[in-house]
Amino acid sequence: MTEQIERARTFHSLHVKGNPVVLYNAWDPGSAKIIEKAGAKAIATGSWPVAAAFGYADGEKIPLELALDNIKRIVGSVDLPVTMDLEGGYGVDPEIVARTVTLALRAGAI
């Protein structure tokens, strides 16, 4: 968790007025490594590229467990902050969305 907190702090520090954060989307560990090697300071995981990489349509069609496993593998492959596009949180009830966010944080997303 300490490493994740440091990554979150790093991500927060990138948000400087007048200097926008540019995020490139990774969909698997290989694409994340390429983005890191190219000099990015943080990585995003968009819902569409992740879903498409596994043969699913966008719109929470990829099973949450698969998306969480994927983010865990991506986070483990790089030394950068990694965000996760949770779309609508895989639920409409606040409790379900909160659970989804908690699971994403446990998987290493910031």
PDB file of N, CA and C in Angstrom:
ATOM      1  N   MET A   1       0.820  -1.201   0.000  1.00  0.00           N
ATOM      2  CA  MET A   1       0.000   0.000   0.000  1.00  0.00           C
ATOM      3  C   MET A   1       0.860   1.258   0.000  1.00  0.00           C
ATOM      4  N   THR A   2       2.010   1.209   0.642  1.00  0.00           N
ATOM      5  CA  THR A   2       2.872   2.386   0.695  1.00  0.00           C
ATOM      6  C   THR A   2       3.306   2.810  -0.701  1.00  0.00           C
ATOM      7  N   GLU A   3       3.676   1.831  -1.535  1.00  0.00           N
ATOM      8  CA  GLU A   3       4.069   2.147  -2.912  1.00  0.00           C
ATOM      9  C   GLU A   3       2.900   2.780  -3.661  1.00  0.00           C
ATOM     10  N   GLN A   4       1.705   2.277  -3.451  1.00  0.00           N
ATOM     11  CA  GLN A   4       0.524   2.833  -4.096  1.00  0.00           C
ATOM     12  C   GLN A   4       0.281   4.266  -3.635  1.00  0.00           C
ATOM     13  N   ILE A   5       0.462   4.526  -2.365  1.00  0.00           N
ATOM     14  CA  ILE A   5       0.288   5.891  -1.847  1.00  0.00           C
ATOM     15  C   ILE A   5       1.300   6.824  -2.496  1.00  0.00           C
ATOM     16  N   GLU A   6       2.534   6.366  -2.631  1.00  0.00           N
ATOM     17  CA  GLU A   6       3.559   7.189  -3.289  1.00  0.00           C
ATOM     18  C   GLU A   6       3.188   7.466  -4.740  1.00  0.00           C
ATOM     19  N   ARG A   7       2.667   6.455  -5.413  1.00  0.00           N
ATOM     20  CA  ARG A   7       2.247   6.650  -6.807  1.00  0.00           C
ATOM     21  C   ARG A   7       1.089   7.649  -6.881  1.00  0.00           C
ATOM     22  N   ALA A   8       0.181   7.568  -5.935  1.00  0.00           N
ATOM     23  CA  ALA A   8      -0.934   8.523  -5.908  1.00  0.00           C
ATOM     24  C   ALA A   8      -0.422   9.937  -5.660  1.00  0.00           C
ATOM     25  N   ARG A   9       0.537  10.072  -4.770  1.00  0.00           N
ATOM     26  CA  ARG A   9       1.125  11.396  -4.518  1.00  0.00           C
ATOM     27  C   ARG A   9       1.842  11.918  -5.756  1.00  0.00           C
ATOM     28  N   THR A  10       2.559  11.041  -6.430  1.00  0.00           N
ATOM     29  CA  THR A  10       3.230  11.437  -7.672  1.00  0.00           C
ATOM     30  C   THR A  10       2.199  11.917  -8.684  1.00  0.00           C
ATOM     31  N   PHE A  11       1.108  11.164  -8.821  1.00  0.00           N
ATOM     32  CA  PHE A  11       0.061  11.544  -9.768  1.00  0.00           C
ATOM     33  C   PHE A  11      -0.529  12.898  -9.392  1.00  0.00           C
ATOM     34  N   HIS A  12      -0.777  13.095  -8.122  1.00  0.00           N
ATOM     35  CA  HIS A  12      -1.325  14.371  -7.652  1.00  0.00           C
ATOM     36  C   HIS A  12      -0.372  15.515  -7.991  1.00  0.00           C
ATOM     37  N   SER A  13       0.916  15.285  -7.817  1.00  0.00           N
ATOM     38  CA  SER A  13       1.903  16.346  -8.067  1.00  0.00           C
ATOM     39  C   SER A  13       1.993  16.733  -9.536  1.00  0.00           C
ATOM     40  N   LEU A  14       1.515  15.882 -10.420  1.00  0.00           N
ATOM     41  CA  LEU A  14       1.536  16.189 -11.855  1.00  0.00           C
ATOM     42  C   LEU A  14       0.474  17.216 -12.239  1.00  0.00           C
ATOM     43  N   HIS A  15      -0.486  17.423 -11.378  1.00  0.00           N
ATOM     44  CA  HIS A  15      -1.581  18.344 -11.662  1.00  0.00           C
ATOM     45  C   HIS A  15      -1.176  19.767 -11.285  1.00  0.00           C
ATOM     46  N   VAL A  16      -0.629  20.461 -12.268  1.00  0.00           N
ATOM     47  CA  VAL A  16      -0.130  21.819 -12.076  1.00  0.00           C
ATOM     48  C   VAL A  16      -0.873  22.736 -13.041  1.00  0.00           C
ATOM     49  N   LYS A  17      -1.418  23.819 -12.512  1.00  0.00           N
ATOM     50  CA  LYS A  17      -2.149  24.771 -13.344  1.00  0.00           C
ATOM     51  C   LYS A  17      -1.248  25.253 -14.483  1.00  0.00           C
ATOM     52  N   GLY A  18      -1.786  25.211 -15.692  1.00  0.00           N
ATOM     53  CA  GLY A  18      -1.056  25.659 -16.867  1.00  0.00           C
ATOM     54  C   GLY A  18      -0.153  24.603 -17.487  1.00  0.00           C
ATOM     55  N   ASN A  19      -0.087  23.435 -16.877  1.00  0.00           N
ATOM     56  CA  ASN A  19       0.756  22.355 -17.390  1.00  0.00           C
ATOM     57  C   ASN A  19      -0.049  21.053 -17.332  1.00  0.00           C
ATOM     58  N   PRO A  20      -0.909  20.826 -18.323  1.00  0.00           N
ATOM     59  CA  PRO A  20      -1.821  19.686 -18.258  1.00  0.00           C
ATOM     60  C   PRO A  20      -1.098  18.339 -18.217  1.00  0.00           C
ATOM     61  N   VAL A  21      -1.712  17.419 -17.528  1.00  0.00           N
ATOM     62  CA  VAL A  21      -1.211  16.049 -17.470  1.00  0.00           C
ATOM     63  C   VAL A  21      -1.659  15.340 -18.741  1.00  0.00           C
ATOM     64  N   VAL A  22      -0.722  14.717 -19.425  1.00  0.00           N
ATOM     65  CA  VAL A  22      -1.040  13.939 -20.617  1.00  0.00           C
ATOM     66  C   VAL A  22      -0.976  12.470 -20.226  1.00  0.00           C
ATOM     67  N   LEU A  23      -2.084  11.781 -20.416  1.00  0.00           N
ATOM     68  CA  LEU A  23      -2.148  10.362 -20.082  1.00  0.00           C
ATOM     69  C   LEU A  23      -2.314   9.543 -21.351  1.00  0.00           C
ATOM     70  N   TYR A  24      -1.523   8.503 -21.458  1.00  0.00           N
ATOM     71  CA  TYR A  24      -1.627   7.562 -22.570  1.00  0.00           C
ATOM     72  C   TYR A  24      -2.296   6.306 -22.045  1.00  0.00           C
ATOM     73  N   ASN A  25      -3.148   5.716 -22.884  1.00  0.00           N
ATOM     74  CA  ASN A  25      -3.910   4.546 -22.470  1.00  0.00           C
ATOM     75  C   ASN A  25      -3.170   3.253 -22.748  1.00  0.00           C
ATOM     76  N   ALA A  26      -3.066   2.435 -21.718  1.00  0.00           N
ATOM     77  CA  ALA A  26      -2.541   1.077 -21.844  1.00  0.00           C
ATOM     78  C   ALA A  26      -3.709   0.110 -21.739  1.00  0.00           C
ATOM     79  N   TRP A  27      -3.558  -1.048 -22.333  1.00  0.00           N
ATOM     80  CA  TRP A  27      -4.613  -2.054 -22.259  1.00  0.00           C
ATOM     81  C   TRP A  27      -4.077  -3.377 -21.725  1.00  0.00           C
ATOM     82  N   ASP A  28      -2.754  -3.465 -21.584  1.00  0.00           N
ATOM     83  CA  ASP A  28      -2.140  -4.667 -21.035  1.00  0.00           C
ATOM     84  C   ASP A  28      -0.738  -4.312 -20.540  1.00  0.00           C
ATOM     85  N   PRO A  29      -0.050  -5.238 -19.861  1.00  0.00           N
ATOM     86  CA  PRO A  29       1.285  -4.911 -19.359  1.00  0.00           C
ATOM     87  C   PRO A  29       2.272  -4.508 -20.452  1.00  0.00           C
ATOM     88  N   GLY A  30       2.191  -5.128 -21.607  1.00  0.00           N
ATOM     89  CA  GLY A  30       3.111  -4.785 -22.692  1.00  0.00           C
ATOM     90  C   GLY A  30       2.957  -3.352 -23.154  1.00  0.00           C
ATOM     91  N   SER A  31       1.723  -2.926 -23.358  1.00  0.00           N
ATOM     92  CA  SER A  31       1.506  -1.537 -23.791  1.00  0.00           C
ATOM     93  C   SER A  31       1.895  -0.565 -22.681  1.00  0.00           C
ATOM     94  N   ALA A  32       1.696  -0.951 -21.432  1.00  0.00           N
ATOM     95  CA  ALA A  32       2.089  -0.089 -20.312  1.00  0.00           C
ATOM     96  C   ALA A  32       3.602   0.084 -20.267  1.00  0.00           C
ATOM     97  N   LYS A  33       4.332  -0.991 -20.505  1.00  0.00           N
ATOM     98  CA  LYS A  33       5.795  -0.909 -20.507  1.00  0.00           C
ATOM     99  C   LYS A  33       6.295  -0.001 -21.627  1.00  0.00           C
ATOM    100  N   ILE A  34       5.676  -0.080 -22.786  1.00  0.00           N
ATOM    101  CA  ILE A  34       6.060   0.784 -23.908  1.00  0.00           C
ATOM    102  C   ILE A  34       5.810   2.243 -23.549  1.00  0.00           C
ATOM    103  N   ILE A  35       4.663   2.520 -22.958  1.00  0.00           N
ATOM    104  CA  ILE A  35       4.321   3.894 -22.558  1.00  0.00           C
ATOM    105  C   ILE A  35       5.319   4.398 -21.524  1.00  0.00           C
ATOM    106  N   GLU A  36       5.652   3.565 -20.562  1.00  0.00           N
ATOM    107  CA  GLU A  36       6.629   3.962 -19.541  1.00  0.00           C
ATOM    108  C   GLU A  36       7.989   4.241 -20.179  1.00  0.00           C
ATOM    109  N   LYS A  37       8.424   3.353 -21.054  1.00  0.00           N
ATOM    110  CA  LYS A  37       9.733   3.507 -21.699  1.00  0.00           C
ATOM    111  C   LYS A  37       9.790   4.764 -22.560  1.00  0.00           C
ATOM    112  N   ALA A  38       8.650   5.181 -23.102  1.00  0.00           N
ATOM    113  CA  ALA A  38       8.587   6.387 -23.939  1.00  0.00           C
ATOM    114  C   ALA A  38       8.689   7.665 -23.112  1.00  0.00           C
ATOM    115  N   GLY A  39       8.636   7.545 -21.791  1.00  0.00           N
ATOM    116  CA  GLY A  39       8.827   8.712 -20.941  1.00  0.00           C
ATOM    117  C   GLY A  39       7.592   9.276 -20.276  1.00  0.00           C
ATOM    118  N   ALA A  40       6.479   8.561 -20.349  1.00  0.00           N
ATOM    119  CA  ALA A  40       5.260   9.043 -19.691  1.00  0.00           C
ATOM    120  C   ALA A  40       5.470   9.112 -18.181  1.00  0.00           C
ATOM    121  N   LYS A  41       4.719   9.994 -17.546  1.00  0.00           N
ATOM    122  CA  LYS A  41       4.814  10.161 -16.094  1.00  0.00           C
ATOM    123  C   LYS A  41       3.700   9.435 -15.358  1.00  0.00           C
ATOM    124  N   ALA A  42       2.685   9.017 -16.094  1.00  0.00           N
ATOM    125  CA  ALA A  42       1.561   8.265 -15.535  1.00  0.00           C
ATOM    126  C   ALA A  42       0.877   7.548 -16.689  1.00  0.00           C
ATOM    127  N   ILE A  43       0.065   6.565 -16.355  1.00  0.00           N
ATOM    128  CA  ILE A  43      -0.616   5.760 -17.365  1.00  0.00           C
ATOM    129  C   ILE A  43      -2.096   5.677 -17.021  1.00  0.00           C
ATOM    130  N   ALA A  44      -2.923   5.757 -18.046  1.00  0.00           N
ATOM    131  CA  ALA A  44      -4.360   5.547 -17.896  1.00  0.00           C
ATOM    132  C   ALA A  44      -4.718   4.191 -18.498  1.00  0.00           C
ATOM    133  N   THR A  45      -5.816   3.632 -18.048  1.00  0.00           N
ATOM    134  CA  THR A  45      -6.371   2.450 -18.700  1.00  0.00           C
ATOM    135  C   THR A  45      -7.802   2.793 -19.067  1.00  0.00           C
ATOM    136  N   GLY A  46      -8.038   3.039 -20.319  1.00  0.00           N
ATOM    137  CA  GLY A  46      -9.374   3.379 -20.790  1.00  0.00           C
ATOM    138  C   GLY A  46     -10.246   2.145 -20.873  1.00  0.00           C
ATOM    139  N   SER A  47     -11.524   2.317 -20.631  1.00  0.00           N
ATOM    140  CA  SER A  47     -12.435   1.177 -20.648  1.00  0.00           C
ATOM    141  C   SER A  47     -12.516   0.529 -22.027  1.00  0.00           C
ATOM    142  N   TRP A  48     -12.544   1.333 -23.085  1.00  0.00           N
ATOM    143  CA  TRP A  48     -12.659   0.765 -24.429  1.00  0.00           C
ATOM    144  C   TRP A  48     -11.450  -0.077 -24.811  1.00  0.00           C
ATOM    145  N   PRO A  49     -10.209   0.442 -24.709  1.00  0.00           N
ATOM    146  CA  PRO A  49      -9.086  -0.397 -25.131  1.00  0.00           C
ATOM    147  C   PRO A  49      -8.930  -1.666 -24.294  1.00  0.00           C
ATOM    148  N   VAL A  50      -9.212  -1.580 -23.004  1.00  0.00           N
ATOM    149  CA  VAL A  50      -9.103  -2.774 -22.165  1.00  0.00           C
ATOM    150  C   VAL A  50     -10.163  -3.792 -22.580  1.00  0.00           C
ATOM    151  N   ALA A  51     -11.395  -3.352 -22.729  1.00  0.00           N
ATOM    152  CA  ALA A  51     -12.462  -4.271 -23.140  1.00  0.00           C
ATOM    153  C   ALA A  51     -12.155  -4.883 -24.504  1.00  0.00           C
ATOM    154  N   ALA A  52     -11.753  -4.054 -25.456  1.00  0.00           N
ATOM    155  CA  ALA A  52     -11.469  -4.531 -26.812  1.00  0.00           C
ATOM    156  C   ALA A  52     -10.322  -5.537 -26.827  1.00  0.00           C
ATOM    157  N   ALA A  53      -9.315  -5.323 -25.991  1.00  0.00           N
ATOM    158  CA  ALA A  53      -8.176  -6.240 -25.947  1.00  0.00           C
ATOM    159  C   ALA A  53      -8.592  -7.647 -25.524  1.00  0.00           C
ATOM    160  N   PHE A  54      -9.690  -7.744 -24.799  1.00  0.00           N
ATOM    161  CA  PHE A  54     -10.185  -9.040 -24.352  1.00  0.00           C
ATOM    162  C   PHE A  54     -11.401  -9.511 -25.148  1.00  0.00           C
ATOM    163  N   GLY A  55     -11.739  -8.772 -26.206  1.00  0.00           N
ATOM    164  CA  GLY A  55     -12.842  -9.188 -27.065  1.00  0.00           C
ATOM    165  C   GLY A  55     -14.222  -8.778 -26.593  1.00  0.00           C
ATOM    166  N   TYR A  56     -14.296  -7.800 -25.711  1.00  0.00           N
ATOM    167  CA  TYR A  56     -15.582  -7.324 -25.198  1.00  0.00           C
ATOM    168  C   TYR A  56     -15.900  -5.945 -25.761  1.00  0.00           C
ATOM    169  N   ALA A  57     -17.174  -5.621 -25.780  1.00  0.00           N
ATOM    170  CA  ALA A  57     -17.603  -4.266 -26.128  1.00  0.00           C
ATOM    171  C   ALA A  57     -17.396  -3.373 -24.911  1.00  0.00           C
ATOM    172  N   ASP A  58     -17.334  -2.074 -25.150  1.00  0.00           N
ATOM    173  CA  ASP A  58     -17.226  -1.107 -24.061  1.00  0.00           C
ATOM    174  C   ASP A  58     -18.573  -1.018 -23.335  1.00  0.00           C
ATOM    175  N   GLY A  59     -18.591  -0.407 -22.182  1.00  0.00           N
ATOM    176  CA  GLY A  59     -19.850  -0.227 -21.456  1.00  0.00           C
ATOM    177  C   GLY A  59     -20.040  -1.260 -20.362  1.00  0.00           C
ATOM    178  N   GLU A  60     -18.962  -1.565 -19.638  1.00  0.00           N
ATOM    179  CA  GLU A  60     -18.999  -2.524 -18.532  1.00  0.00           C
ATOM    180  C   GLU A  60     -19.366  -3.933 -18.986  1.00  0.00           C
ATOM    181  N   LYS A  61     -19.023  -4.267 -20.235  1.00  0.00           N
ATOM    182  CA  LYS A  61     -19.273  -5.625 -20.741  1.00  0.00           C
ATOM    183  C   LYS A  61     -18.170  -6.592 -20.317  1.00  0.00           C
ATOM    184  N   ILE A  62     -16.947  -6.070 -20.115  1.00  0.00           N
ATOM    185  CA  ILE A  62     -15.864  -6.919 -19.621  1.00  0.00           C
ATOM    186  C   ILE A  62     -16.162  -7.242 -18.155  1.00  0.00           C
ATOM    187  N   PRO A  63     -16.054  -8.503 -17.765  1.00  0.00           N
ATOM    188  CA  PRO A  63     -16.308  -8.832 -16.361  1.00  0.00           C
ATOM    189  C   PRO A  63     -15.373  -8.041 -15.437  1.00  0.00           C
ATOM    190  N   LEU A  64     -15.915  -7.546 -14.355  1.00  0.00           N
ATOM    191  CA  LEU A  64     -15.134  -6.746 -13.424  1.00  0.00           C
ATOM    192  C   LEU A  64     -13.902  -7.505 -12.943  1.00  0.00           C
ATOM    193  N   GLU A  65     -14.045  -8.781 -12.654  1.00  0.00           N
ATOM    194  CA  GLU A  65     -12.913  -9.566 -12.162  1.00  0.00           C
ATOM    195  C   GLU A  65     -11.775  -9.581 -13.173  1.00  0.00           C
ATOM    196  N   LEU A  66     -12.100  -9.683 -14.452  1.00  0.00           N
ATOM    197  CA  LEU A  66     -11.082  -9.679 -15.501  1.00  0.00           C
ATOM    198  C   LEU A  66     -10.422  -8.310 -15.604  1.00  0.00           C
ATOM    199  N   ALA A  67     -11.216  -7.256 -15.542  1.00  0.00           N
ATOM    200  CA  ALA A  67     -10.665  -5.897 -15.593  1.00  0.00           C
ATOM    201  C   ALA A  67      -9.752  -5.641 -14.397  1.00  0.00           C
ATOM    202  N   LEU A  68     -10.133  -6.124 -13.224  1.00  0.00           N
ATOM    203  CA  LEU A  68      -9.311  -5.945 -12.024  1.00  0.00           C
ATOM    204  C   LEU A  68      -8.018  -6.748 -12.110  1.00  0.00           C
ATOM    205  N   ASP A  69      -8.096  -7.963 -12.617  1.00  0.00           N
ATOM    206  CA  ASP A  69      -6.883  -8.762 -12.803  1.00  0.00           C
ATOM    207  C   ASP A  69      -5.946  -8.070 -13.787  1.00  0.00           C
ATOM    208  N   ASN A  70      -6.503  -7.504 -14.833  1.00  0.00           N
ATOM    209  CA  ASN A  70      -5.700  -6.805 -15.828  1.00  0.00           C
ATOM    210  C   ASN A  70      -5.012  -5.585 -15.225  1.00  0.00           C
ATOM    211  N   ILE A  71      -5.732  -4.786 -14.445  1.00  0.00           N
ATOM    212  CA  ILE A  71      -5.113  -3.596 -13.847  1.00  0.00           C
ATOM    213  C   ILE A  71      -4.019  -4.020 -12.872  1.00  0.00           C
ATOM    214  N   LYS A  72      -4.225  -5.101 -12.163  1.00  0.00           N
ATOM    215  CA  LYS A  72      -3.199  -5.590 -11.236  1.00  0.00           C
ATOM    216  C   LYS A  72      -1.926  -5.962 -12.000  1.00  0.00           C
ATOM    217  N   ARG A  73      -2.070  -6.618 -13.132  1.00  0.00           N
ATOM    218  CA  ARG A  73      -0.910  -6.992 -13.940  1.00  0.00           C
ATOM    219  C   ARG A  73      -0.237  -5.765 -14.537  1.00  0.00           C
ATOM    220  N   ILE A  74      -1.030  -4.789 -14.977  1.00  0.00           N
ATOM    221  CA  ILE A  74      -0.458  -3.555 -15.523  1.00  0.00           C
ATOM    222  C   ILE A  74       0.322  -2.815 -14.442  1.00  0.00           C
ATOM    223  N   VAL A  75      -0.295  -2.620 -13.291  1.00  0.00           N
ATOM    224  CA  VAL A  75       0.363  -1.909 -12.183  1.00  0.00           C
ATOM    225  C   VAL A  75       1.663  -2.616 -11.798  1.00  0.00           C
ATOM    226  N   GLY A  76       1.644  -3.930 -11.787  1.00  0.00           N
ATOM    227  CA  GLY A  76       2.831  -4.697 -11.418  1.00  0.00           C
ATOM    228  C   GLY A  76       3.944  -4.663 -12.442  1.00  0.00           C
ATOM    229  N   SER A  77       3.641  -4.206 -13.646  1.00  0.00           N
ATOM    230  CA  SER A  77       4.638  -4.218 -14.717  1.00  0.00           C
ATOM    231  C   SER A  77       5.376  -2.897 -14.892  1.00  0.00           C
ATOM    232  N   VAL A  78       4.914  -1.835 -14.226  1.00  0.00           N
ATOM    233  CA  VAL A  78       5.521  -0.510 -14.396  1.00  0.00           C
ATOM    234  C   VAL A  78       5.758   0.145 -13.039  1.00  0.00           C
ATOM    235  N   ASP A  79       6.547   1.209 -13.068  1.00  0.00           N
ATOM    236  CA  ASP A  79       6.824   1.977 -11.848  1.00  0.00           C
ATOM    237  C   ASP A  79       6.160   3.342 -11.901  1.00  0.00           C
ATOM    238  N   LEU A  80       5.016   3.424 -12.529  1.00  0.00           N
ATOM    239  CA  LEU A  80       4.292   4.683 -12.690  1.00  0.00           C
ATOM    240  C   LEU A  80       2.910   4.581 -12.058  1.00  0.00           C
ATOM    241  N   PRO A  81       2.293   5.729 -11.749  1.00  0.00           N
ATOM    242  CA  PRO A  81       0.893   5.707 -11.325  1.00  0.00           C
ATOM    243  C   PRO A  81       0.019   5.216 -12.488  1.00  0.00           C
ATOM    244  N   VAL A  82      -0.968   4.400 -12.168  1.00  0.00           N
ATOM    245  CA  VAL A  82      -1.880   3.868 -13.186  1.00  0.00           C
ATOM    246  C   VAL A  82      -3.316   4.128 -12.739  1.00  0.00           C
ATOM    247  N   THR A  83      -4.066   4.807 -13.602  1.00  0.00           N
ATOM    248  CA  THR A  83      -5.479   5.044 -13.317  1.00  0.00           C
ATOM    249  C   THR A  83      -6.319   3.961 -13.978  1.00  0.00           C
ATOM    250  N   MET A  84      -7.530   3.789 -13.496  1.00  0.00           N
ATOM    251  CA  MET A  84      -8.442   2.788 -14.054  1.00  0.00           C
ATOM    252  C   MET A  84      -9.775   3.447 -14.355  1.00  0.00           C
ATOM    253  N   ASP A  85     -10.228   3.297 -15.588  1.00  0.00           N
ATOM    254  CA  ASP A  85     -11.534   3.811 -15.997  1.00  0.00           C
ATOM    255  C   ASP A  85     -12.589   2.805 -15.533  1.00  0.00           C
ATOM    256  N   LEU A  86     -13.332   3.176 -14.518  1.00  0.00           N
ATOM    257  CA  LEU A  86     -14.349   2.288 -13.953  1.00  0.00           C
ATOM    258  C   LEU A  86     -15.731   2.530 -14.543  1.00  0.00           C
ATOM    259  N   GLU A  87     -15.789   3.344 -15.592  1.00  0.00           N
ATOM    260  CA  GLU A  87     -17.054   3.686 -16.239  1.00  0.00           C
ATOM    261  C   GLU A  87     -18.077   4.140 -15.204  1.00  0.00           C
ATOM    262  N   GLY A  88     -19.169   3.407 -15.044  1.00  0.00           N
ATOM    263  CA  GLY A  88     -20.206   3.782 -14.086  1.00  0.00           C
ATOM    264  C   GLY A  88     -20.048   3.093 -12.743  1.00  0.00           C
ATOM    265  N   GLY A  89     -18.896   2.456 -12.528  1.00  0.00           N
ATOM    266  CA  GLY A  89     -18.649   1.802 -11.247  1.00  0.00           C
ATOM    267  C   GLY A  89     -19.235   0.409 -11.132  1.00  0.00           C
ATOM    268  N   TYR A  90     -19.698  -0.144 -12.253  1.00  0.00           N
ATOM    269  CA  TYR A  90     -20.282  -1.478 -12.278  1.00  0.00           C
ATOM    270  C   TYR A  90     -21.465  -1.607 -11.329  1.00  0.00           C
ATOM    271  N   GLY A  91     -22.244  -0.559 -11.235  1.00  0.00           N
ATOM    272  CA  GLY A  91     -23.438  -0.606 -10.408  1.00  0.00           C
ATOM    273  C   GLY A  91     -24.117   0.743 -10.373  1.00  0.00           C
ATOM    274  N   VAL A  92     -25.341   0.757  -9.862  1.00  0.00           N
ATOM    275  CA  VAL A  92     -26.068   2.019  -9.712  1.00  0.00           C
ATOM    276  C   VAL A  92     -26.201   2.416  -8.246  1.00  0.00           C
ATOM    277  N   ASP A  93     -26.119   1.442  -7.361  1.00  0.00           N
ATOM    278  CA  ASP A  93     -26.201   1.739  -5.931  1.00  0.00           C
ATOM    279  C   ASP A  93     -24.851   2.241  -5.434  1.00  0.00           C
ATOM    280  N   PRO A  94     -24.856   3.276  -4.605  1.00  0.00           N
ATOM    281  CA  PRO A  94     -23.592   3.805  -4.084  1.00  0.00           C
ATOM    282  C   PRO A  94     -22.727   2.739  -3.404  1.00  0.00           C
ATOM    283  N   GLU A  95     -23.350   1.781  -2.740  1.00  0.00           N
ATOM    284  CA  GLU A  95     -22.590   0.739  -2.054  1.00  0.00           C
ATOM    285  C   GLU A  95     -21.838  -0.141  -3.046  1.00  0.00           C
ATOM    286  N   ILE A  96     -22.470  -0.439  -4.163  1.00  0.00           N
ATOM    287  CA  ILE A  96     -21.822  -1.267  -5.184  1.00  0.00           C
ATOM    288  C   ILE A  96     -20.680  -0.502  -5.835  1.00  0.00           C
ATOM    289  N   VAL A  97     -20.914   0.759  -6.148  1.00  0.00           N
ATOM    290  CA  VAL A  97     -19.857   1.584  -6.747  1.00  0.00           C
ATOM    291  C   VAL A  97     -18.688   1.721  -5.774  1.00  0.00           C
ATOM    292  N   ALA A  98     -18.979   1.922  -4.497  1.00  0.00           N
ATOM    293  CA  ALA A  98     -17.917   2.022  -3.487  1.00  0.00           C
ATOM    294  C   ALA A  98     -17.118   0.725  -3.415  1.00  0.00           C
ATOM    295  N   ARG A  99     -17.798  -0.399  -3.524  1.00  0.00           N
ATOM    296  CA  ARG A  99     -17.117  -1.695  -3.519  1.00  0.00           C
ATOM    297  C   ARG A  99     -16.207  -1.809  -4.730  1.00  0.00           C
ATOM    298  N   THR A 100     -16.688  -1.379  -5.887  1.00  0.00           N
ATOM    299  CA  THR A 100     -15.880  -1.421  -7.107  1.00  0.00           C
ATOM    300  C   THR A 100     -14.627  -0.568  -6.959  1.00  0.00           C
ATOM    301  N   VAL A 101     -14.782   0.630  -6.428  1.00  0.00           N
ATOM    302  CA  VAL A 101     -13.629   1.514  -6.222  1.00  0.00           C
ATOM    303  C   VAL A 101     -12.645   0.873  -5.244  1.00  0.00           C
ATOM    304  N   THR A 102     -13.151   0.289  -4.182  1.00  0.00           N
ATOM    305  CA  THR A 102     -12.290  -0.381  -3.203  1.00  0.00           C
ATOM    306  C   THR A 102     -11.509  -1.514  -3.856  1.00  0.00           C
ATOM    307  N   LEU A 103     -12.171  -2.298  -4.684  1.00  0.00           N
ATOM    308  CA  LEU A 103     -11.495  -3.400  -5.375  1.00  0.00           C
ATOM    309  C   LEU A 103     -10.425  -2.878  -6.332  1.00  0.00           C
ATOM    310  N   ALA A 104     -10.713  -1.773  -7.012  1.00  0.00           N
ATOM    311  CA  ALA A 104      -9.728  -1.181  -7.924  1.00  0.00           C
ATOM    312  C   ALA A 104      -8.507  -0.691  -7.153  1.00  0.00           C
ATOM    313  N   LEU A 105      -8.739  -0.081  -6.012  1.00  0.00           N
ATOM    314  CA  LEU A 105      -7.622   0.369  -5.176  1.00  0.00           C
ATOM    315  C   LEU A 105      -6.809  -0.823  -4.674  1.00  0.00           C
ATOM    316  N   ARG A 106      -7.479  -1.869  -4.277  1.00  0.00           N
ATOM    317  CA  ARG A 106      -6.772  -3.078  -3.820  1.00  0.00           C
ATOM    318  C   ARG A 106      -5.947  -3.700  -4.940  1.00  0.00           C
ATOM    319  N   ALA A 107      -6.408  -3.528  -6.175  1.00  0.00           N
ATOM    320  CA  ALA A 107      -5.675  -4.056  -7.332  1.00  0.00           C
ATOM    321  C   ALA A 107      -4.484  -3.177  -7.701  1.00  0.00           C
ATOM    322  N   GLY A 108      -4.390  -1.988  -7.089  1.00  0.00           N
ATOM    323  CA  GLY A 108      -3.238  -1.128  -7.317  1.00  0.00           C
ATOM    324  C   GLY A 108      -3.496   0.142  -8.086  1.00  0.00           C
ATOM    325  N   ALA A 109      -4.723   0.331  -8.575  1.00  0.00           N
ATOM    326  CA  ALA A 109      -5.037   1.575  -9.290  1.00  0.00           C
ATOM    327  C   ALA A 109      -4.970   2.746  -8.323  1.00  0.00           C
ATOM    328  N   ILE A 110      -4.701   3.920  -8.878  1.00  0.00           N
ATOM    329  CA  ILE A 110      -4.687   5.111  -8.021  1.00  0.00           C
ATOM    330  C   ILE A 110      -5.883   5.980  -8.361  1.00  0.00           C
TER     331      ILE A 110
END
